[in-house]
Amino acid sequence: MIGAFFLGFISSGESVPYGFILQSETPKQIMGRVSAVATSLQTFSMLIAPTVGSLLAKWLGVSIVLMGAGGATCLLGALVLIFIVRRINVQKDTEEKQFQA
């Protein structure tokens, strides 16, 4: 029961911000199309992931698949962190130039 609670808590931490950003950054006239594509990509990924994961585990072994997934997650996290830090630095530089002008 505790595991199910944490699974729900973690999934809401992903889905709620994603929906908010999707709605706030998408123009109203194309919201339906963007929402449909975004939802279809999520659904396709959820449906295909178990099949791909099991095939890779059969061919390469479970430990290789888990290490690859963990490594890919760490790499993606590092890239996102670098992107965020650069974006913050660019915003600070822009604000400083505007303040000085």
Protein backbone atom coordinates (compact mmCIF):
# COMPACT_ATOMS: atom_id res chain seq x y z
CA MET A 1 0.00 0.00 0.00
CA ILE A 2 2.86 2.38 0.78
CA GLY A 3 4.47 1.53 -2.57
CA ALA A 4 1.23 2.30 -4.40
CA PHE A 5 0.99 5.63 -2.58
CA PHE A 6 4.50 6.63 -3.62
CA LEU A 7 3.89 5.48 -7.20
CA GLY A 8 0.81 7.70 -7.39
CA PHE A 9 2.63 10.60 -5.75
CA ILE A 10 5.54 10.39 -8.15
CA SER A 11 3.33 10.04 -11.23
CA SER A 12 1.29 13.10 -10.26
CA GLY A 13 4.55 14.99 -9.89
CA GLU A 14 5.16 14.33 -13.59
CA SER A 15 1.70 14.58 -15.10
CA VAL A 16 0.43 17.73 -13.41
CA PRO A 17 3.37 20.02 -14.34
CA TYR A 18 3.45 18.53 -17.85
CA GLY A 19 -0.21 19.37 -18.45
CA PHE A 20 0.20 22.85 -17.00
CA ILE A 21 3.20 23.67 -19.19
CA LEU A 22 1.50 22.21 -22.25
CA GLN A 23 -1.55 24.43 -21.75
CA SER A 24 0.33 27.57 -20.78
CA GLU A 25 2.85 27.43 -23.66
CA THR A 26 0.54 26.30 -26.48
CA PRO A 27 -1.50 28.84 -28.47
CA LYS A 28 -5.25 28.32 -28.01
CA GLN A 29 -5.96 27.76 -31.71
CA ILE A 30 -3.75 24.64 -31.88
CA MET A 31 -4.25 23.32 -28.34
CA GLY A 32 -6.40 20.37 -29.48
CA ARG A 33 -3.87 19.13 -32.02
CA VAL A 34 -0.89 19.56 -29.70
CA SER A 35 -2.70 17.82 -26.86
CA ALA A 36 -3.68 14.91 -29.10
CA VAL A 37 -0.13 14.41 -30.35
CA ALA A 38 1.35 14.70 -26.85
CA THR A 39 -1.13 12.18 -25.45
CA SER A 40 -0.62 9.76 -28.33
CA LEU A 41 3.16 9.86 -27.85
CA GLN A 42 2.80 9.12 -24.14
CA THR A 43 0.37 6.28 -24.79
CA PHE A 44 2.53 4.77 -27.54
CA SER A 45 5.57 4.88 -25.26
CA MET A 46 3.71 3.18 -22.41
CA LEU A 47 2.40 0.46 -24.73
CA ILE A 48 5.68 -0.29 -26.53
CA ALA A 49 8.08 -0.03 -23.55
CA PRO A 50 7.34 -3.45 -21.98
CA THR A 51 7.81 -5.21 -25.32
CA VAL A 52 11.04 -3.43 -26.18
CA GLY A 53 12.37 -3.87 -22.64
CA SER A 54 11.64 -7.59 -22.58
CA LEU A 55 13.20 -8.13 -26.01
CA LEU A 56 16.33 -6.24 -25.00
CA ALA A 57 16.49 -8.18 -21.73
CA LYS A 58 16.22 -11.45 -23.65
CA TRP A 59 18.97 -10.47 -26.11
CA LEU A 60 21.37 -8.59 -23.83
CA GLY A 61 20.46 -9.67 -20.31
CA VAL A 62 18.51 -7.90 -17.61
CA SER A 63 21.53 -6.28 -15.94
CA ILE A 64 22.70 -4.67 -19.21
CA VAL A 65 19.22 -3.24 -19.87
CA LEU A 66 18.96 -1.82 -16.35
CA MET A 67 22.45 -0.32 -16.49
CA GLY A 68 21.68 1.19 -19.91
CA ALA A 69 18.40 2.66 -18.70
CA GLY A 70 20.06 4.08 -15.59
CA GLY A 71 22.93 5.52 -17.60
CA ALA A 72 20.55 7.08 -20.13
CA THR A 73 18.51 8.60 -17.30
CA CYS A 74 21.64 10.09 -15.69
CA LEU A 75 22.80 11.45 -19.05
CA LEU A 76 19.42 13.01 -19.76
CA GLY A 77 19.32 14.54 -16.28
CA ALA A 78 22.79 16.02 -16.72
CA LEU A 79 21.86 17.50 -20.11
CA VAL A 80 18.70 19.05 -18.71
CA LEU A 81 20.62 20.46 -15.75
CA ILE A 82 23.21 22.01 -18.09
CA PHE A 83 20.43 23.49 -20.22
CA ILE A 84 18.69 24.99 -17.18
CA VAL A 85 21.90 26.48 -15.77
CA ARG A 86 22.78 28.04 -19.14
CA ARG A 87 19.28 29.44 -19.50
CA ILE A 88 19.41 30.98 -16.02
CA ASN A 89 22.81 32.53 -16.79
CA VAL A 90 21.51 34.00 -20.06
CA GLN A 91 18.50 35.47 -18.25
CA LYS A 92 20.75 37.00 -15.58
CA ASP A 93 23.02 38.53 -18.23
CA THR A 94 20.02 39.96 -20.07
CA GLU A 95 18.60 41.46 -16.86
CA GLU A 96 21.97 42.98 -15.96
CA LYS A 97 22.32 44.58 -19.41
CA GLN A 98 18.80 45.98 -19.19
CA PHE A 99 19.47 47.33 -15.71
CA GLN A 100 22.72 49.00 -16.80
CA ALA A 101 21.14 50.61 -19.87
